[in-house]
Amino acid sequence: DRRLGQADRAARFAQRWRPRCRSTNSPARDEKHWAGHHMPGK
């Protein structure tokens, strides 16, 4: 739990300070913070 918490905070920090000048076609533009999605299907 502690290690995942550290990784979560680091991911949030990296997302917050990601340079804004990157191209909209960059794969990094499609990256989402890892605490966000839900999964469909069975």
Full PDB file with SEQRES, HELIX, SHEET, SSBOND, CRYST1, ORIGX, SCALE, CONECT and MASTER records, all heavy atoms in Angstrom:
SEQRES   1 A   42  ASP ARG ARG LEU GLY GLN ALA ASP ARG ALA ALA ARG PHE          
SEQRES   2 A   42  ALA GLN ARG TRP ARG PRO ARG CYS ARG SER THR ASN SER          
SEQRES   3 A   42  PRO ALA ARG ASP GLU LYS HIS TRP ALA GLY HIS HIS MET          
SEQRES   4 A   42  PRO GLY LYS                                                  
HELIX    1 AA1 ARG A    2  ARG A   16  1                                  15    
HELIX    2 AA2 PRO A   27  ASP A   30  5                                   4    
CRYST1    1.000    1.000    1.000  90.00  90.00  90.00 P 1           1          
ORIGX1      1.000000  0.000000  0.000000        0.00000                         
ORIGX2      0.000000  1.000000  0.000000        0.00000                         
ORIGX3      0.000000  0.000000  1.000000        0.00000                         
SCALE1      1.000000  0.000000  0.000000        0.00000                         
SCALE2      0.000000  1.000000  0.000000        0.00000                         
SCALE3      0.000000  0.000000  1.000000        0.00000                         
ATOM      1  N   ASP A   1       0.827  -1.198   0.000  1.00  0.00           N  
ATOM      2  CA  ASP A   1       0.000   0.000   0.000  1.00  0.00           C  
ATOM      3  C   ASP A   1       0.870   1.260   0.000  1.00  0.00           C  
ATOM      4  O   ASP A   1       0.597   2.219  -0.725  1.00  0.00           O  
ATOM      5  CB  ASP A   1      -0.916  -0.008   1.226  1.00  0.00           C  
ATOM      6  CG  ASP A   1      -1.889   1.153   1.224  1.00  0.00           C  
ATOM      7  OD1 ASP A   1      -2.739   1.221   0.311  1.00  0.00           O  
ATOM      8  OD2 ASP A   1      -1.799   2.005   2.133  1.00  0.00           O  
ATOM      9  N   ARG A   2       1.931   1.232   0.797  1.00  0.00           N  
ATOM     10  CA  ARG A   2       2.832   2.397   0.875  1.00  0.00           C  
ATOM     11  C   ARG A   2       3.537   2.631  -0.456  1.00  0.00           C  
ATOM     12  O   ARG A   2       3.624   3.772  -0.933  1.00  0.00           O  
ATOM     13  CB  ARG A   2       3.860   2.178   1.983  1.00  0.00           C  
ATOM     14  CG  ARG A   2       4.786   3.369   2.238  1.00  0.00           C  
ATOM     15  CD  ARG A   2       5.621   3.143   3.489  1.00  0.00           C  
ATOM     16  NE  ARG A   2       6.661   2.149   3.268  1.00  0.00           N  
ATOM     17  CZ  ARG A   2       7.872   2.448   2.794  1.00  0.00           C  
ATOM     18  NH1 ARG A   2       8.178   3.698   2.480  1.00  0.00           N  
ATOM     19  NH2 ARG A   2       8.772   1.496   2.644  1.00  0.00           N  
ATOM     20  N   ARG A   3       4.042   1.575  -1.066  1.00  0.00           N  
ATOM     21  CA  ARG A   3       4.768   1.710  -2.329  1.00  0.00           C  
ATOM     22  C   ARG A   3       3.848   2.163  -3.460  1.00  0.00           C  
ATOM     23  O   ARG A   3       4.228   3.001  -4.288  1.00  0.00           O  
ATOM     24  CB  ARG A   3       5.423   0.381  -2.698  1.00  0.00           C  
ATOM     25  CG  ARG A   3       6.521  -0.063  -1.754  1.00  0.00           C  
ATOM     26  CD  ARG A   3       7.733   0.836  -1.833  1.00  0.00           C  
ATOM     27  NE  ARG A   3       8.766   0.418  -0.881  1.00  0.00           N  
ATOM     28  CZ  ARG A   3       9.921   1.052  -0.724  1.00  0.00           C  
ATOM     29  NH1 ARG A   3      10.184   2.128  -1.447  1.00  0.00           N  
ATOM     30  NH2 ARG A   3      10.794   0.623   0.161  1.00  0.00           N  
ATOM     31  N   LEU A   4       2.632   1.626  -3.514  1.00  0.00           N  
ATOM     32  CA  LEU A   4       1.692   2.065  -4.540  1.00  0.00           C  
ATOM     33  C   LEU A   4       1.278   3.510  -4.320  1.00  0.00           C  
ATOM     34  O   LEU A   4       1.058   4.258  -5.275  1.00  0.00           O  
ATOM     35  CB  LEU A   4       0.460   1.157  -4.560  1.00  0.00           C  
ATOM     36  CG  LEU A   4       0.652  -0.227  -5.182  1.00  0.00           C  
ATOM     37  CD1 LEU A   4      -0.604  -1.067  -5.000  1.00  0.00           C  
ATOM     38  CD2 LEU A   4       1.010  -0.125  -6.661  1.00  0.00           C  
ATOM     39  N   GLY A   5       1.181   3.915  -3.057  1.00  0.00           N  
ATOM     40  CA  GLY A   5       0.883   5.308  -2.757  1.00  0.00           C  
ATOM     41  C   GLY A   5       1.978   6.234  -3.258  1.00  0.00           C  
ATOM     42  O   GLY A   5       1.708   7.302  -3.835  1.00  0.00           O  
ATOM     43  N   GLN A   6       3.228   5.835  -3.057  1.00  0.00           N  
ATOM     44  CA  GLN A   6       4.347   6.629  -3.556  1.00  0.00           C  
ATOM     45  C   GLN A   6       4.309   6.720  -5.082  1.00  0.00           C  
ATOM     46  O   GLN A   6       4.520   7.801  -5.652  1.00  0.00           O  
ATOM     47  CB  GLN A   6       5.669   6.008  -3.102  1.00  0.00           C  
ATOM     48  CG  GLN A   6       5.932   6.122  -1.614  1.00  0.00           C  
ATOM     49  CD  GLN A   6       7.176   5.360  -1.193  1.00  0.00           C  
ATOM     50  OE1 GLN A   6       7.697   4.519  -1.931  1.00  0.00           O  
ATOM     51  NE2 GLN A   6       7.663   5.649   0.000  1.00  0.00           N  
ATOM     52  N   ALA A   7       4.045   5.586  -5.735  1.00  0.00           N  
ATOM     53  CA  ALA A   7       3.986   5.576  -7.192  1.00  0.00           C  
ATOM     54  C   ALA A   7       2.830   6.426  -7.709  1.00  0.00           C  
ATOM     55  O   ALA A   7       2.955   7.126  -8.716  1.00  0.00           O  
ATOM     56  CB  ALA A   7       3.842   4.137  -7.691  1.00  0.00           C  
ATOM     57  N   ASP A   8       1.711   6.380  -7.002  1.00  0.00           N  
ATOM     58  CA  ASP A   8       0.539   7.164  -7.391  1.00  0.00           C  
ATOM     59  C   ASP A   8       0.843   8.652  -7.320  1.00  0.00           C  
ATOM     60  O   ASP A   8       0.523   9.422  -8.224  1.00  0.00           O  
ATOM     61  CB  ASP A   8      -0.627   6.796  -6.471  1.00  0.00           C  
ATOM     62  CG  ASP A   8      -1.946   7.335  -6.977  1.00  0.00           C  
ATOM     63  OD1 ASP A   8      -2.180   7.276  -8.199  1.00  0.00           O  
ATOM     64  OD2 ASP A   8      -2.744   7.818  -6.156  1.00  0.00           O  
ATOM     65  N   ARG A   9       1.501   9.057  -6.228  1.00  0.00           N  
ATOM     66  CA  ARG A   9       1.853  10.480  -6.087  1.00  0.00           C  
ATOM     67  C   ARG A   9       2.857  10.912  -7.152  1.00  0.00           C  
ATOM     68  O   ARG A   9       2.771  12.021  -7.692  1.00  0.00           O  
ATOM     69  CB  ARG A   9       2.396  10.743  -4.685  1.00  0.00           C  
ATOM     70  CG  ARG A   9       1.332  10.676  -3.594  1.00  0.00           C  
ATOM     71  CD  ARG A   9       1.855  11.175  -2.266  1.00  0.00           C  
ATOM     72  NE  ARG A   9       2.886  10.299  -1.724  1.00  0.00           N  
ATOM     73  CZ  ARG A   9       2.646   9.225  -0.984  1.00  0.00           C  
ATOM     74  NH1 ARG A   9       1.394   8.872  -0.722  1.00  0.00           N  
ATOM     75  NH2 ARG A   9       3.635   8.497  -0.513  1.00  0.00           N  
ATOM     76  N   ALA A  10       3.805  10.037  -7.466  1.00  0.00           N  
ATOM     77  CA  ALA A  10       4.784  10.361  -8.501  1.00  0.00           C  
ATOM     78  C   ALA A  10       4.116  10.502  -9.863  1.00  0.00           C  
ATOM     79  O   ALA A  10       4.457  11.389 -10.650  1.00  0.00           O  
ATOM     80  CB  ALA A  10       5.861   9.272  -8.550  1.00  0.00           C  
ATOM     81  N   ALA A  11       3.137   9.633 -10.141  1.00  0.00           N  
ATOM     82  CA  ALA A  11       2.417   9.713 -11.413  1.00  0.00           C  
ATOM     83  C   ALA A  11       1.619  11.008 -11.511  1.00  0.00           C  
ATOM     84  O   ALA A  11       1.572  11.650 -12.562  1.00  0.00           O  
ATOM     85  CB  ALA A  11       1.490   8.505 -11.553  1.00  0.00           C  
ATOM     86  N   ARG A  12       1.000  11.400 -10.406  1.00  0.00           N  
ATOM     87  CA  ARG A  12       0.244  12.658 -10.403  1.00  0.00           C  
ATOM     88  C   ARG A  12       1.172  13.849 -10.616  1.00  0.00           C  
ATOM     89  O   ARG A  12       0.850  14.791 -11.351  1.00  0.00           O  
ATOM     90  CB  ARG A  12      -0.504  12.823  -9.072  1.00  0.00           C  
ATOM     91  CG  ARG A  12      -1.655  11.851  -8.886  1.00  0.00           C  
ATOM     92  CD  ARG A  12      -2.327  12.050  -7.537  1.00  0.00           C  
ATOM     93  NE  ARG A  12      -3.352  11.053  -7.310  1.00  0.00           N  
ATOM     94  CZ  ARG A  12      -4.601  11.155  -7.743  1.00  0.00           C  
ATOM     95  NH1 ARG A  12      -4.955  12.229  -8.436  1.00  0.00           N  
ATOM     96  NH2 ARG A  12      -5.475  10.197  -7.495  1.00  0.00           N  
ATOM     97  N   PHE A  13       2.343  13.804  -9.991  1.00  0.00           N  
ATOM     98  CA  PHE A  13       3.311  14.899 -10.140  1.00  0.00           C  
ATOM     99  C   PHE A  13       3.791  14.989 -11.578  1.00  0.00           C  
ATOM    100  O   PHE A  13       3.854  16.079 -12.161  1.00  0.00           O  
ATOM    101  CB  PHE A  13       4.496  14.666  -9.202  1.00  0.00           C  
ATOM    102  CG  PHE A  13       5.559  15.733  -9.287  1.00  0.00           C  
ATOM    103  CD1 PHE A  13       5.434  16.896  -8.538  1.00  0.00           C  
ATOM    104  CD2 PHE A  13       6.663  15.581 -10.102  1.00  0.00           C  
ATOM    105  CE1 PHE A  13       6.399  17.890  -8.605  1.00  0.00           C  
ATOM    106  CE2 PHE A  13       7.627  16.566 -10.186  1.00  0.00           C  
ATOM    107  CZ  PHE A  13       7.496  17.715  -9.438  1.00  0.00           C  
ATOM    108  N   ALA A  14       4.105  13.838 -12.176  1.00  0.00           N  
ATOM    109  CA  ALA A  14       4.591  13.825 -13.547  1.00  0.00           C  
ATOM    110  C   ALA A  14       3.530  14.331 -14.511  1.00  0.00           C  
ATOM    111  O   ALA A  14       3.827  15.056 -15.462  1.00  0.00           O  
ATOM    112  CB  ALA A  14       5.017  12.403 -13.927  1.00  0.00           C  
ATOM    113  N   GLN A  15       2.283  13.986 -14.267  1.00  0.00           N  
ATOM    114  CA  GLN A  15       1.194  14.430 -15.125  1.00  0.00           C  
ATOM    115  C   GLN A  15       0.989  15.941 -15.005  1.00  0.00           C  
ATOM    116  O   GLN A  15       0.787  16.635 -15.993  1.00  0.00           O  
ATOM    117  CB  GLN A  15      -0.092  13.694 -14.752  1.00  0.00           C  
ATOM    118  CG  GLN A  15      -1.261  14.033 -15.675  1.00  0.00           C  
ATOM    119  CD  GLN A  15      -2.536  13.363 -15.221  1.00  0.00           C  
ATOM    120  OE1 GLN A  15      -2.887  13.449 -14.050  1.00  0.00           O  
ATOM    121  NE2 GLN A  15      -3.220  12.694 -16.128  1.00  0.00           N  
ATOM    122  N   ARG A  16       1.113  16.441 -13.782  1.00  0.00           N  
ATOM    123  CA  ARG A  16       0.888  17.867 -13.541  1.00  0.00           C  
ATOM    124  C   ARG A  16       1.942  18.725 -14.231  1.00  0.00           C  
ATOM    125  O   ARG A  16       1.650  19.802 -14.745  1.00  0.00           O  
ATOM    126  CB  ARG A  16       0.912  18.134 -12.043  1.00  0.00           C  
ATOM    127  CG  ARG A  16       0.622  19.596 -11.670  1.00  0.00           C  
ATOM    128  CD  ARG A  16       0.708  19.772 -10.164  1.00  0.00           C  
ATOM    129  NE  ARG A  16      -0.161  18.837  -9.468  1.00  0.00           N  
ATOM    130  CZ  ARG A  16      -0.106  18.617  -8.156  1.00  0.00           C  
ATOM    131  NH1 ARG A  16       0.792  19.241  -7.414  1.00  0.00           N  
ATOM    132  NH2 ARG A  16      -0.937  17.763  -7.596  1.00  0.00           N  
ATOM    133  N   TRP A  17       3.203  18.231 -14.229  1.00  0.00           N  
ATOM    134  CA  TRP A  17       4.307  19.022 -14.770  1.00  0.00           C  
ATOM    135  C   TRP A  17       4.721  18.596 -16.164  1.00  0.00           C  
ATOM    136  O   TRP A  17       5.761  19.005 -16.646  1.00  0.00           O  
ATOM    137  CB  TRP A  17       5.508  18.944 -13.830  1.00  0.00           C  
ATOM    138  CG  TRP A  17       5.221  19.634 -12.532  1.00  0.00           C  
ATOM    139  CD1 TRP A  17       4.854  19.079 -11.356  1.00  0.00           C  
ATOM    140  CD2 TRP A  17       5.249  21.048 -12.300  1.00  0.00           C  
ATOM    141  NE1 TRP A  17       4.653  20.035 -10.399  1.00  0.00           N  
ATOM    142  CE2 TRP A  17       4.889  21.260 -10.943  1.00  0.00           C  
ATOM    143  CE3 TRP A  17       5.533  22.154 -13.101  1.00  0.00           C  
ATOM    144  CZ2 TRP A  17       4.815  22.527 -10.379  1.00  0.00           C  
ATOM    145  CZ3 TRP A  17       5.471  23.414 -12.540  1.00  0.00           C  
ATOM    146  CH2 TRP A  17       5.107  23.597 -11.193  1.00  0.00           C  
ATOM    147  N   ARG A  18       3.913  17.796 -16.835  1.00  0.00           N  
ATOM    148  CA  ARG A  18       4.232  17.418 -18.202  1.00  0.00           C  
ATOM    149  C   ARG A  18       4.269  18.674 -19.066  1.00  0.00           C  
ATOM    150  O   ARG A  18       3.351  19.504 -19.019  1.00  0.00           O  
ATOM    151  CB  ARG A  18       3.167  16.459 -18.743  1.00  0.00           C  
ATOM    152  CG  ARG A  18       3.467  15.936 -20.146  1.00  0.00           C  
ATOM    153  CD  ARG A  18       2.275  15.198 -20.701  1.00  0.00           C  
ATOM    154  NE  ARG A  18       1.858  14.151 -19.790  1.00  0.00           N  
ATOM    155  CZ  ARG A  18       0.620  13.685 -19.760  1.00  0.00           C  
ATOM    156  NH1 ARG A  18      -0.301  14.194 -20.549  1.00  0.00           N  
ATOM    157  NH2 ARG A  18       0.294  12.729 -18.917  1.00  0.00           N  
ATOM    158  N   PRO A  19       5.323  18.855 -19.876  1.00  0.00           N  
ATOM    159  CA  PRO A  19       5.408  20.062 -20.717  1.00  0.00           C  
ATOM    160  C   PRO A  19       4.180  20.213 -21.600  1.00  0.00           C  
ATOM    161  O   PRO A  19       3.708  19.248 -22.193  1.00  0.00           O  
ATOM    162  CB  PRO A  19       6.666  19.801 -21.569  1.00  0.00           C  
ATOM    163  CG  PRO A  19       7.481  18.865 -20.745  1.00  0.00           C  
ATOM    164  CD  PRO A  19       6.496  18.001 -20.012  1.00  0.00           C  
ATOM    165  N   ARG A  20       3.668  21.437 -21.687  1.00  0.00           N  
ATOM    166  CA  ARG A  20       2.456  21.693 -22.455  1.00  0.00           C  
ATOM    167  C   ARG A  20       2.725  21.858 -23.943  1.00  0.00           C  
ATOM    168  O   ARG A  20       1.791  21.926 -24.738  1.00  0.00           O  
ATOM    169  CB  ARG A  20       1.768  22.955 -21.926  1.00  0.00           C  
ATOM    170  CG  ARG A  20       1.298  22.813 -20.485  1.00  0.00           C  
ATOM    171  CD  ARG A  20       0.646  24.115 -20.006  1.00  0.00           C  
ATOM    172  NE  ARG A  20       0.167  23.982 -18.638  1.00  0.00           N  
ATOM    173  CZ  ARG A  20      -1.008  23.479 -18.295  1.00  0.00           C  
ATOM    174  NH1 ARG A  20      -1.813  23.044 -19.253  1.00  0.00           N  
ATOM    175  NH2 ARG A  20      -1.376  23.395 -17.042  1.00  0.00           N  
ATOM    176  N   CYS A  21       3.997  21.941 -24.317  1.00  0.00           N  
ATOM    177  CA  CYS A  21       4.322  22.221 -25.706  1.00  0.00           C  
ATOM    178  C   CYS A  21       4.389  20.962 -26.560  1.00  0.00           C  
ATOM    179  O   CYS A  21       4.703  21.023 -27.748  1.00  0.00           O  
ATOM    180  CB  CYS A  21       5.663  22.957 -25.798  1.00  0.00           C  
ATOM    181  SG  CYS A  21       7.044  22.010 -25.095  1.00  0.00           S  
ATOM    182  N   ARG A  22       4.087  19.808 -26.014  1.00  0.00           N  
ATOM    183  CA  ARG A  22       4.153  18.584 -26.801  1.00  0.00           C  
ATOM    184  C   ARG A  22       3.087  18.584 -27.888  1.00  0.00           C  
ATOM    185  O   ARG A  22       2.001  19.129 -27.732  1.00  0.00           O  
ATOM    186  CB  ARG A  22       3.976  17.351 -25.907  1.00  0.00           C  
ATOM    187  CG  ARG A  22       5.149  17.114 -24.987  1.00  0.00           C  
ATOM    188  CD  ARG A  22       4.899  15.902 -24.128  1.00  0.00           C  
ATOM    189  NE  ARG A  22       6.045  15.638 -23.246  1.00  0.00           N  
ATOM    190  CZ  ARG A  22       6.063  14.710 -22.314  1.00  0.00           C  
ATOM    191  NH1 ARG A  22       4.998  13.955 -22.110  1.00  0.00           N  
ATOM    192  NH2 ARG A  22       7.133  14.522 -21.576  1.00  0.00           N  
ATOM    193  N   SER A  23       3.395  17.895 -28.950  1.00  0.00           N  
ATOM    194  CA  SER A  23       2.451  17.794 -30.059  1.00  0.00           C  
ATOM    195  C   SER A  23       1.213  17.020 -29.633  1.00  0.00           C  
ATOM    196  O   SER A  23       1.281  16.104 -28.836  1.00  0.00           O  
ATOM    197  CB  SER A  23       3.123  17.067 -31.230  1.00  0.00           C  
ATOM    198  OG  SER A  23       2.168  16.676 -32.175  1.00  0.00           O  
ATOM    199  N   THR A  24       0.088  17.374 -30.208  1.00  0.00           N  
ATOM    200  CA  THR A  24      -1.144  16.642 -29.889  1.00  0.00           C  
ATOM    201  C   THR A  24      -1.107  15.230 -30.437  1.00  0.00           C  
ATOM    202  O   THR A  24      -1.904  14.386 -30.053  1.00  0.00           O  
ATOM    203  CB  THR A  24      -2.368  17.376 -30.497  1.00  0.00           C  
ATOM    204  OG1 THR A  24      -2.162  17.527 -31.897  1.00  0.00           O  
ATOM    205  CG2 THR A  24      -2.565  18.713 -29.827  1.00  0.00           C  
ATOM    206  N   ASN A  25      -0.166  14.969 -31.367  1.00  0.00           N  
ATOM    207  CA  ASN A  25      -0.029  13.622 -31.907  1.00  0.00           C  
ATOM    208  C   ASN A  25       0.915  12.756 -31.088  1.00  0.00           C  
ATOM    209  O   ASN A  25       1.103  11.590 -31.393  1.00  0.00           O  
ATOM    210  CB  ASN A  25       0.491  13.668 -33.349  1.00  0.00           C  
ATOM    211  CG  ASN A  25      -0.513  14.318 -34.278  1.00  0.00           C  
ATOM    212  OD1 ASN A  25      -1.707  14.129 -34.102  1.00  0.00           O  
ATOM    213  ND2 ASN A  25      -0.021  15.077 -35.247  1.00  0.00           N  
ATOM    214  N   SER A  26       1.538  13.342 -30.066  1.00  0.00           N  
ATOM    215  CA  SER A  26       2.468  12.569 -29.249  1.00  0.00           C  
ATOM    216  C   SER A  26       1.723  11.529 -28.434  1.00  0.00           C  
ATOM    217  O   SER A  26       0.650  11.801 -27.899  1.00  0.00           O  
ATOM    218  CB  SER A  26       3.215  13.512 -28.291  1.00  0.00           C  
ATOM    219  OG  SER A  26       3.926  12.765 -27.332  1.00  0.00           O  
ATOM    220  N   PRO A  27       2.285  10.306 -28.336  1.00  0.00           N  
ATOM    221  CA  PRO A  27       1.628   9.278 -27.511  1.00  0.00           C  
ATOM    222  C   PRO A  27       1.427   9.733 -26.078  1.00  0.00           C  
ATOM    223  O   PRO A  27       0.478   9.321 -25.416  1.00  0.00           O  
ATOM    224  CB  PRO A  27       2.612   8.099 -27.571  1.00  0.00           C  
ATOM    225  CG  PRO A  27       3.388   8.304 -28.828  1.00  0.00           C  
ATOM    226  CD  PRO A  27       3.486   9.794 -28.986  1.00  0.00           C  
ATOM    227  N   ALA A  28       2.324  10.620 -25.607  1.00  0.00           N  
ATOM    228  CA  ALA A  28       2.209  11.082 -24.223  1.00  0.00           C  
ATOM    229  C   ALA A  28       0.921  11.851 -24.005  1.00  0.00           C  
ATOM    230  O   ALA A  28       0.414  11.936 -22.889  1.00  0.00           O  
ATOM    231  CB  ALA A  28       3.411  11.957 -23.865  1.00  0.00           C  
ATOM    232  N   ARG A  29       0.373  12.450 -25.092  1.00  0.00           N  
ATOM    233  CA  ARG A  29      -0.864  13.197 -24.940  1.00  0.00           C  
ATOM    234  C   ARG A  29      -2.021  12.277 -24.604  1.00  0.00           C  
ATOM    235  O   ARG A  29      -3.044  12.707 -24.061  1.00  0.00           O  
ATOM    236  CB  ARG A  29      -1.180  13.954 -26.244  1.00  0.00           C  
ATOM    237  CG  ARG A  29      -0.153  15.001 -26.617  1.00  0.00           C  
ATOM    238  CD  ARG A  29      -0.221  16.205 -25.720  1.00  0.00           C  
ATOM    239  NE  ARG A  29      -1.498  16.900 -25.870  1.00  0.00           N  
ATOM    240  CZ  ARG A  29      -1.817  17.970 -25.195  1.00  0.00           C  
ATOM    241  NH1 ARG A  29      -0.993  18.468 -24.286  1.00  0.00           N  
ATOM    242  NH2 ARG A  29      -2.985  18.550 -25.371  1.00  0.00           N  
ATOM    243  N   ASP A  30      -1.893  11.015 -24.956  1.00  0.00           N  
ATOM    244  CA  ASP A  30      -2.975  10.061 -24.715  1.00  0.00           C  
ATOM    245  C   ASP A  30      -2.836   9.338 -23.394  1.00  0.00           C  
ATOM    246  O   ASP A  30      -3.699   8.539 -23.032  1.00  0.00           O  
ATOM    247  CB  ASP A  30      -3.019   9.023 -25.845  1.00  0.00           C  
ATOM    248  CG  ASP A  30      -3.360   9.666 -27.173  1.00  0.00           C  
ATOM    249  OD1 ASP A  30      -4.132  10.637 -27.160  1.00  0.00           O  
ATOM    250  OD2 ASP A  30      -2.840   9.204 -28.202  1.00  0.00           O  
ATOM    251  N   GLU A  31      -1.725   9.589 -22.677  1.00  0.00           N  
ATOM    252  CA  GLU A  31      -1.547   8.934 -21.400  1.00  0.00           C  
ATOM    253  C   GLU A  31      -2.510   9.535 -20.377  1.00  0.00           C  
ATOM    254  O   GLU A  31      -2.713  10.730 -20.306  1.00  0.00           O  
ATOM    255  CB  GLU A  31      -0.110   9.111 -20.914  1.00  0.00           C  
ATOM    256  CG  GLU A  31       0.900   8.375 -21.768  1.00  0.00           C  
ATOM    257  CD  GLU A  31       2.310   8.638 -21.273  1.00  0.00           C  
ATOM    258  OE1 GLU A  31       2.451   9.196 -20.169  1.00  0.00           O  
ATOM    259  OE2 GLU A  31       3.254   8.303 -21.995  1.00  0.00           O  
ATOM    260  N   LYS A  32      -3.081   8.679 -19.562  1.00  0.00           N  
ATOM    261  CA  LYS A  32      -3.979   9.128 -18.499  1.00  0.00           C  
ATOM    262  C   LYS A  32      -3.402   8.695 -17.184  1.00  0.00           C  
ATOM    263  O   LYS A  32      -2.709   7.691 -17.109  1.00  0.00           O  
ATOM    264  CB  LYS A  32      -5.378   8.538 -18.691  1.00  0.00           C  
ATOM    265  CG  LYS A  32      -6.029   8.904 -20.031  1.00  0.00           C  
ATOM    266  CD  LYS A  32      -7.376   8.245 -20.128  1.00  0.00           C  
ATOM    267  CE  LYS A  32      -8.033   8.574 -21.448  1.00  0.00           C  
ATOM    268  NZ  LYS A  32      -7.341   8.015 -22.591  1.00  0.00           N  
ATOM    269  N   HIS A  33      -3.682   9.447 -16.171  1.00  0.00           N  
ATOM    270  CA  HIS A  33      -3.213   9.061 -14.848  1.00  0.00           C  
ATOM    271  C   HIS A  33      -3.758   7.692 -14.482  1.00  0.00           C  
ATOM    272  O   HIS A  33      -4.904   7.378 -14.747  1.00  0.00           O  
ATOM    273  CB  HIS A  33      -3.674  10.105 -13.827  1.00  0.00           C  
ATOM    274  CG  HIS A  33      -3.338   9.719 -12.427  1.00  0.00           C  
ATOM    275  ND1 HIS A  33      -2.050   9.600 -11.999  1.00  0.00           N  
ATOM    276  CD2 HIS A  33      -4.131   9.402 -11.389  1.00  0.00           C  
ATOM    277  CE1 HIS A  33      -2.052   9.234 -10.740  1.00  0.00           C  
ATOM    278  NE2 HIS A  33      -3.314   9.100 -10.349  1.00  0.00           N  
ATOM    279  N   TRP A  34      -2.919   6.849 -13.879  1.00  0.00           N  
ATOM    280  CA  TRP A  34      -3.253   5.424 -13.711  1.00  0.00           C  
ATOM    281  C   TRP A  34      -4.367   5.169 -12.709  1.00  0.00           C  
ATOM    282  O   TRP A  34      -4.785   4.045 -12.533  1.00  0.00           O  
ATOM    283  CB  TRP A  34      -2.001   4.617 -13.363  1.00  0.00           C  
ATOM    284  CG  TRP A  34      -1.472   4.778 -11.975  1.00  0.00           C  
ATOM    285  CD1 TRP A  34      -1.832   5.673 -11.029  1.00  0.00           C  
ATOM    286  CD2 TRP A  34      -0.455   3.963 -11.384  1.00  0.00           C  
ATOM    287  NE1 TRP A  34      -1.103   5.488  -9.895  1.00  0.00           N  
ATOM    288  CE2 TRP A  34      -0.258   4.449 -10.085  1.00  0.00           C  
ATOM    289  CE3 TRP A  34       0.301   2.874 -11.825  1.00  0.00           C  
ATOM    290  CZ2 TRP A  34       0.678   3.870  -9.220  1.00  0.00           C  
ATOM    291  CZ3 TRP A  34       1.224   2.319 -10.965  1.00  0.00           C  
ATOM    292  CH2 TRP A  34       1.409   2.819  -9.683  1.00  0.00           C  
ATOM    293  N   ALA A  35      -4.888   6.177 -12.052  1.00  0.00           N  
ATOM    294  CA  ALA A  35      -5.951   5.934 -11.073  1.00  0.00           C  
ATOM    295  C   ALA A  35      -7.334   6.182 -11.641  1.00  0.00           C  
ATOM    296  O   ALA A  35      -8.268   6.391 -10.908  1.00  0.00           O  
ATOM    297  CB  ALA A  35      -5.730   6.815  -9.845  1.00  0.00           C  
ATOM    298  N   GLY A  36      -7.510   6.129 -12.981  1.00  0.00           N  
ATOM    299  CA  GLY A  36      -8.740   6.616 -13.528  1.00  0.00           C  
ATOM    300  C   GLY A  36      -9.773   5.715 -14.138  1.00  0.00           C  
ATOM    301  O   GLY A  36     -10.927   6.074 -14.109  1.00  0.00           O  
ATOM    302  N   HIS A  37      -9.453   4.548 -14.746  1.00  0.00           N  
ATOM    303  CA  HIS A  37     -10.393   3.899 -15.654  1.00  0.00           C  
ATOM    304  C   HIS A  37     -11.182   2.762 -15.027  1.00  0.00           C  
ATOM    305  O   HIS A  37     -10.823   2.234 -13.996  1.00  0.00           O  
ATOM    306  CB  HIS A  37      -9.634   3.349 -16.865  1.00  0.00           C  
ATOM    307  CG  HIS A  37      -8.915   4.420 -17.614  1.00  0.00           C  
ATOM    308  ND1 HIS A  37      -9.552   5.375 -18.342  1.00  0.00           N  
ATOM    309  CD2 HIS A  37      -7.597   4.711 -17.691  1.00  0.00           C  
ATOM    310  CE1 HIS A  37      -8.675   6.195 -18.869  1.00  0.00           C  
ATOM    311  NE2 HIS A  37      -7.486   5.815 -18.475  1.00  0.00           N  
ATOM    312  N   HIS A  38     -12.228   2.366 -15.759  1.00  0.00           N  
ATOM    313  CA  HIS A  38     -13.002   1.183 -15.389  1.00  0.00           C  
ATOM    314  C   HIS A  38     -13.061   0.251 -16.576  1.00  0.00           C  
ATOM    315  O   HIS A  38     -12.923   0.666 -17.720  1.00  0.00           O  
ATOM    316  CB  HIS A  38     -14.410   1.584 -14.934  1.00  0.00           C  
ATOM    317  CG  HIS A  38     -14.384   2.397 -13.688  1.00  0.00           C  
ATOM    318  ND1 HIS A  38     -14.133   1.872 -12.446  1.00  0.00           N  
ATOM    319  CD2 HIS A  38     -14.524   3.739 -13.503  1.00  0.00           C  
ATOM    320  CE1 HIS A  38     -14.144   2.842 -11.542  1.00  0.00           C  
ATOM    321  NE2 HIS A  38     -14.367   3.958 -12.147  1.00  0.00           N  
ATOM    322  N   MET A  39     -13.294  -1.034 -16.322  1.00  0.00           N  
ATOM    323  CA  MET A  39     -13.106  -2.055 -17.329  1.00  0.00           C  
ATOM    324  C   MET A  39     -14.444  -2.702 -17.701  1.00  0.00           C  
ATOM    325  O   MET A  39     -15.151  -3.180 -16.838  1.00  0.00           O  
ATOM    326  CB  MET A  39     -12.139  -3.128 -16.820  1.00  0.00           C  
ATOM    327  CG  MET A  39     -10.823  -2.521 -16.349  1.00  0.00           C  
ATOM    328  SD  MET A  39      -9.801  -3.723 -15.480  1.00  0.00           S  
ATOM    329  CE  MET A  39      -9.262  -4.719 -16.863  1.00  0.00           C  
ATOM    330  N   PRO A  40     -14.784  -2.776 -18.989  1.00  0.00           N  
ATOM    331  CA  PRO A  40     -16.030  -3.387 -19.417  1.00  0.00           C  
ATOM    332  C   PRO A  40     -15.882  -4.890 -19.600  1.00  0.00           C  
ATOM    333  O   PRO A  40     -14.795  -5.434 -19.575  1.00  0.00           O  
ATOM    334  CB  PRO A  40     -16.296  -2.711 -20.763  1.00  0.00           C  
ATOM    335  CG  PRO A  40     -14.914  -2.489 -21.300  1.00  0.00           C  
ATOM    336  CD  PRO A  40     -14.077  -2.151 -20.098  1.00  0.00           C  
ATOM    337  N   GLY A  41     -17.023  -5.563 -19.807  1.00  0.00           N  
ATOM    338  CA  GLY A  41     -16.988  -6.955 -20.207  1.00  0.00           C  
ATOM    339  C   GLY A  41     -16.942  -7.949 -19.083  1.00  0.00           C  
ATOM    340  O   GLY A  41     -16.752  -7.599 -17.931  1.00  0.00           O  
ATOM    341  N   LYS A  42     -17.044  -9.265 -19.447  1.00  0.00           N  
ATOM    342  CA  LYS A  42     -17.092 -10.317 -18.446  1.00  0.00           C  
ATOM    343  C   LYS A  42     -16.113 -11.449 -18.737  1.00  0.00           C  
ATOM    344  O   LYS A  42     -16.049 -12.416 -18.007  1.00  0.00           O  
ATOM    345  CB  LYS A  42     -18.513 -10.913 -18.370  1.00  0.00           C  
ATOM    346  CG  LYS A  42     -19.562  -9.915 -17.935  1.00  0.00           C  
ATOM    347  CD  LYS A  42     -20.915 -10.587 -17.821  1.00  0.00           C  
ATOM    348  CE  LYS A  42     -21.975  -9.594 -17.359  1.00  0.00           C  
ATOM    349  NZ  LYS A  42     -23.297 -10.222 -17.244  1.00  0.00           N  
TER     350      LYS A  42                                                      
MASTER        0    0    0    2    0    0    0    6  349    1    0    4          
END                                                                             
